[in-house]
N, C-alpha and C. Protein backbone atom coordinates (compact mmCIF):
# COMPACT_ATOMS: atom_id res chain seq x y z
N MET A 1 0.26 -1.38 -0.01
CA MET A 1 0.12 -0.01 0.24
C MET A 1 1.12 1.32 -0.11
N THR A 2 0.87 1.99 -1.12
CA THR A 2 1.52 3.81 -1.13
C THR A 2 0.47 4.51 0.64
N LYS A 3 2.33 4.98 0.41
CA LYS A 3 1.64 5.42 1.70
C LYS A 3 1.34 7.30 0.65
N LEU A 4 -0.48 8.22 1.71
CA LEU A 4 -0.48 9.22 1.48
C LEU A 4 -0.34 10.38 1.11
N TYR A 5 1.00 10.43 2.17
CA TYR A 5 1.14 11.43 2.88
C TYR A 5 2.29 11.71 3.87
N SER A 6 3.33 12.30 3.92
CA SER A 6 4.49 11.96 4.72
C SER A 6 4.65 12.66 5.88
N ARG A 7 4.82 11.92 6.65
CA ARG A 7 4.41 11.62 8.52
C ARG A 7 5.88 13.31 9.19
N PRO A 8 7.18 13.16 7.52
CA PRO A 8 8.14 14.14 8.77
C PRO A 8 7.51 15.00 8.09
N LEU A 9 7.06 15.44 7.12
CA LEU A 9 6.62 16.29 6.43
C LEU A 9 5.70 17.13 7.31
N LEU A 10 4.22 16.29 7.32
CA LEU A 10 2.84 17.34 7.98
C LEU A 10 4.17 17.37 9.53
N ARG A 11 3.91 16.43 10.49
CA ARG A 11 5.01 16.98 11.85
C ARG A 11 6.14 18.23 11.40
N ARG A 12 6.46 18.57 10.43
CA ARG A 12 7.37 19.65 10.69
C ARG A 12 6.94 20.95 10.07
N ILE A 13 5.48 20.68 9.40
CA ILE A 13 4.86 22.07 9.03
C ILE A 13 4.09 22.17 10.39
N LEU A 14 3.57 21.22 11.55
CA LEU A 14 2.38 21.91 12.43
C LEU A 14 3.95 22.45 12.88
N LYS A 15 5.22 21.69 13.22
CA LYS A 15 5.93 22.19 13.69
C LYS A 15 5.86 23.71 14.19
N ALA A 16 6.32 23.61 13.07
CA ALA A 16 6.50 25.39 12.30
C ALA A 16 5.24 26.39 12.62
N HIS A 17 4.49 25.78 12.84
CA HIS A 17 3.10 27.00 12.72
C HIS A 17 3.23 26.60 14.42
N GLN A 18 2.98 25.64 15.13
CA GLN A 18 2.76 26.14 16.74
C GLN A 18 4.19 25.54 17.46
N PRO A 19 5.39 25.95 17.62
CA PRO A 19 6.43 25.45 17.82
C PRO A 19 6.87 25.51 19.64
N HIS A 20 5.98 25.82 20.11
CA HIS A 20 6.26 26.09 21.39
C HIS A 20 5.04 24.31 21.85
N TYR A 21 4.40 24.19 21.15
CA TYR A 21 3.68 22.79 21.67
C TYR A 21 4.85 21.44 21.15
N ARG A 22 4.22 20.29 22.65
CA ARG A 22 4.54 19.63 22.46
C ARG A 22 3.54 18.59 21.49
N LEU A 23 4.42 18.29 20.46
CA LEU A 23 3.13 17.05 20.27
C LEU A 23 3.54 15.22 20.45
N ALA A 24 2.26 14.47 20.39
CA ALA A 24 2.60 13.77 19.78
C ALA A 24 2.70 12.68 19.59
N ASN A 25 2.85 11.73 19.78
CA ASN A 25 3.38 11.19 18.50
C ASN A 25 2.56 10.21 17.29
N ASN A 26 0.88 10.47 17.15
CA ASN A 26 0.19 10.17 16.17
C ASN A 26 -0.85 11.43 15.85
N VAL A 27 0.03 12.64 16.55
CA VAL A 27 -0.76 14.01 15.71
C VAL A 27 -0.69 14.31 14.22
N ASP A 28 0.41 13.62 13.79
CA ASP A 28 0.36 13.90 12.40
C ASP A 28 -0.81 13.06 11.49
N ILE A 29 -1.07 12.07 12.03
CA ILE A 29 -2.18 11.28 11.68
C ILE A 29 -3.55 11.86 12.23
N LEU A 30 -4.40 12.20 13.58
CA LEU A 30 -5.07 13.27 13.79
C LEU A 30 -5.12 14.29 13.01
N VAL A 31 -4.38 14.72 12.19
CA VAL A 31 -4.39 16.22 11.67
C VAL A 31 -5.11 16.05 10.37
N TYR A 32 -4.28 14.32 9.63
CA TYR A 32 -4.55 13.46 8.66
C TYR A 32 -6.41 13.18 8.54
N LEU A 33 -6.28 12.53 9.94
CA LEU A 33 -8.25 12.39 9.21
C LEU A 33 -8.85 14.17 9.90
N ASP A 34 -8.84 14.23 9.94
CA ASP A 34 -9.80 15.61 10.29
C ASP A 34 -9.61 16.14 9.08
N TYR A 35 -8.35 16.21 7.93
CA TYR A 35 -8.99 16.97 6.95
C TYR A 35 -9.20 15.99 6.47
N ILE A 36 -9.48 14.70 6.82
CA ILE A 36 -9.75 14.01 5.07
C ILE A 36 -11.56 14.06 5.38
N LEU A 37 -11.57 13.57 6.63
CA LEU A 37 -13.43 14.76 7.63
C LEU A 37 -13.24 15.90 6.42
N PHE A 38 -12.73 16.14 7.09
CA PHE A 38 -13.44 18.39 5.95
C PHE A 38 -13.42 17.97 5.12
N LEU A 39 -12.54 17.30 4.43
CA LEU A 39 -13.03 17.27 2.53
C LEU A 39 -13.84 16.74 2.54
N LYS A 40 -14.59 15.37 2.49
CA LYS A 40 -15.48 14.65 2.20
C LYS A 40 -17.12 15.39 3.07
N GLU A 41 -16.50 15.91 3.74
CA GLU A 41 -17.86 16.46 4.65
C GLU A 41 -18.17 18.02 3.59
N LEU A 42 -16.94 18.53 3.08
CA LEU A 42 -16.92 19.41 2.23
C LEU A 42 -17.71 19.40 0.97
N ALA A 43 -17.58 18.15 0.14
CA ALA A 43 -18.22 17.75 -0.71
C ALA A 43 -19.19 17.14 -0.20
N ARG A 44 -19.56 16.92 0.81
CA ARG A 44 -21.32 16.83 1.12
C ARG A 44 -22.32 17.71 0.56
N GLU A 45 -21.67 18.76 2.08
CA GLU A 45 -22.09 20.43 1.71
C GLU A 45 -22.91 21.04 0.34
N ALA A 46 -21.49 20.75 -1.21
CA ALA A 46 -21.68 21.33 -2.14
C ALA A 46 -23.15 20.51 -3.27
N ARG A 47 -22.84 19.50 -2.23
CA ARG A 47 -23.50 18.72 -3.37
C ARG A 47 -25.03 19.11 -3.23
N GLN A 48 -25.28 19.33 -1.34
CA GLN A 48 -26.58 20.14 -1.08
C GLN A 48 -27.26 20.57 -1.64
N SER A 49 -26.02 21.67 -1.98
CA SER A 49 -25.57 23.66 -2.46
C SER A 49 -26.45 23.23 -3.77
N ARG A 50 -25.81 22.73 -4.31
CA ARG A 50 -25.97 22.40 -6.21
C ARG A 50 -27.81 21.36 -6.15
N ARG A 51 -28.01 20.85 -5.36
CA ARG A 51 -29.27 19.74 -5.03
C ARG A 51 -30.43 21.26 -4.69
N ASP A 52 -29.91 22.51 -3.65
CA ASP A 52 -30.52 24.04 -3.58
C ASP A 52 -30.79 24.52 -4.71
N SER A 53 -30.48 24.59 -5.29
CA SER A 53 -30.10 25.53 -6.22
C SER A 53 -30.09 24.87 -7.93
N SER A 54 -30.73 23.79 -7.70
CA SER A 54 -31.23 23.34 -9.35
C SER A 54 -29.84 23.14 -10.05
N ASN A 55 -28.67 22.51 -10.17
CA ASN A 55 -28.01 22.51 -11.45
C ASN A 55 -27.31 21.42 -11.31
N ILE A 56 -26.96 21.44 -12.24
CA ILE A 56 -26.47 19.65 -13.03
C ILE A 56 -25.34 19.46 -12.68
N GLU A 57 -24.10 19.85 -12.56
CA GLU A 57 -23.38 19.81 -11.90
C GLU A 57 -23.08 20.84 -10.84
N ILE A 58 -22.12 21.23 -9.87
CA ILE A 58 -21.34 21.49 -8.85
C ILE A 58 -21.08 22.69 -9.45
N THR A 59 -21.11 23.90 -9.07
CA THR A 59 -19.75 25.04 -9.90
C THR A 59 -19.24 25.58 -8.50
N ALA A 60 -18.64 27.09 -8.89
CA ALA A 60 -17.99 27.47 -7.59
C ALA A 60 -18.38 27.93 -6.89
N GLU A 61 -19.57 28.37 -7.32
CA GLU A 61 -20.46 29.36 -6.14
C GLU A 61 -20.65 27.79 -5.46
N ASP A 62 -21.75 27.08 -5.46
CA ASP A 62 -21.88 25.82 -4.55
C ASP A 62 -20.06 25.39 -3.38
N ILE A 63 -19.28 25.18 -4.12
CA ILE A 63 -18.41 25.35 -3.09
C ILE A 63 -17.16 26.43 -1.94
N GLN A 64 -17.96 27.88 -3.02
CA GLN A 64 -17.35 28.55 -1.77
C GLN A 64 -18.43 28.89 -0.80
N LEU A 65 -20.07 28.26 -0.84
CA LEU A 65 -21.03 27.90 -0.29
C LEU A 65 -20.62 27.08 0.37
N ALA A 66 -20.39 25.56 0.90
CA ALA A 66 -20.00 25.24 1.37
C ALA A 66 -19.15 25.07 2.43
N THR A 67 -17.92 26.18 1.79
CA THR A 67 -16.51 25.88 2.28
C THR A 67 -16.80 26.86 3.50
N LYS A 68 -17.97 27.49 3.94
CA LYS A 68 -17.87 28.97 4.33
C LYS A 68 -19.07 27.91 5.56
N ARG A 69 -19.48 27.61 5.42
CA ARG A 69 -20.38 26.33 6.70
C ARG A 69 -19.82 25.33 6.96
N THR A 70 -18.58 25.01 6.09
CA THR A 70 -17.89 23.31 6.48
C THR A 70 -16.62 24.63 7.60
N LEU A 71 -16.88 25.14 7.17
CA LEU A 71 -15.64 26.28 7.97
C LEU A 71 -16.13 26.09 8.91
N LYS A 72 -17.42 26.87 8.99
CA LYS A 72 -17.95 27.23 10.49
C LYS A 72 -18.05 26.26 11.70
N ARG A 73 -17.48 25.27 10.92
CA ARG A 73 -18.35 23.49 11.71
C ARG A 73 -16.96 22.75 11.96
N PHE A 74 -16.49 23.73 11.67
CA PHE A 74 -14.98 22.77 11.84
C PHE A 74 -13.83 23.21 12.40
N LYS A 75 -14.75 25.06 12.69
CA LYS A 75 -13.96 25.80 13.93
C LYS A 75 -12.87 25.26 14.34
N ALA A 76 -11.70 25.57 15.07
CA ALA A 76 -11.58 25.25 16.83
C ALA A 76 -12.27 25.77 17.75
N HIS A 77 -12.48 25.29 18.81
CA HIS A 77 -13.13 26.08 19.96
C HIS A 77 -12.23 26.63 21.51
N PRO A 78 -11.88 26.89 21.49
CA PRO A 78 -10.84 27.65 22.70
C PRO A 78 -11.61 26.71 23.92
């Protein structure tokens, strides 16, 4: 099975954004899974937006509307 992402690269990116945080061993896996869930939800929202506007294809406008709604749902809580 091929690797879907580079774990060391993702860890370096996370460390660059949050240099003072201690990262668990599996943090890269959790971030990647959260990313996949976000994309899945974004696709679902875009499909729903397309149905609401009675279009045959998903347009850029559908993606933008879905992105706003999905980002609100996935935003971290303090």
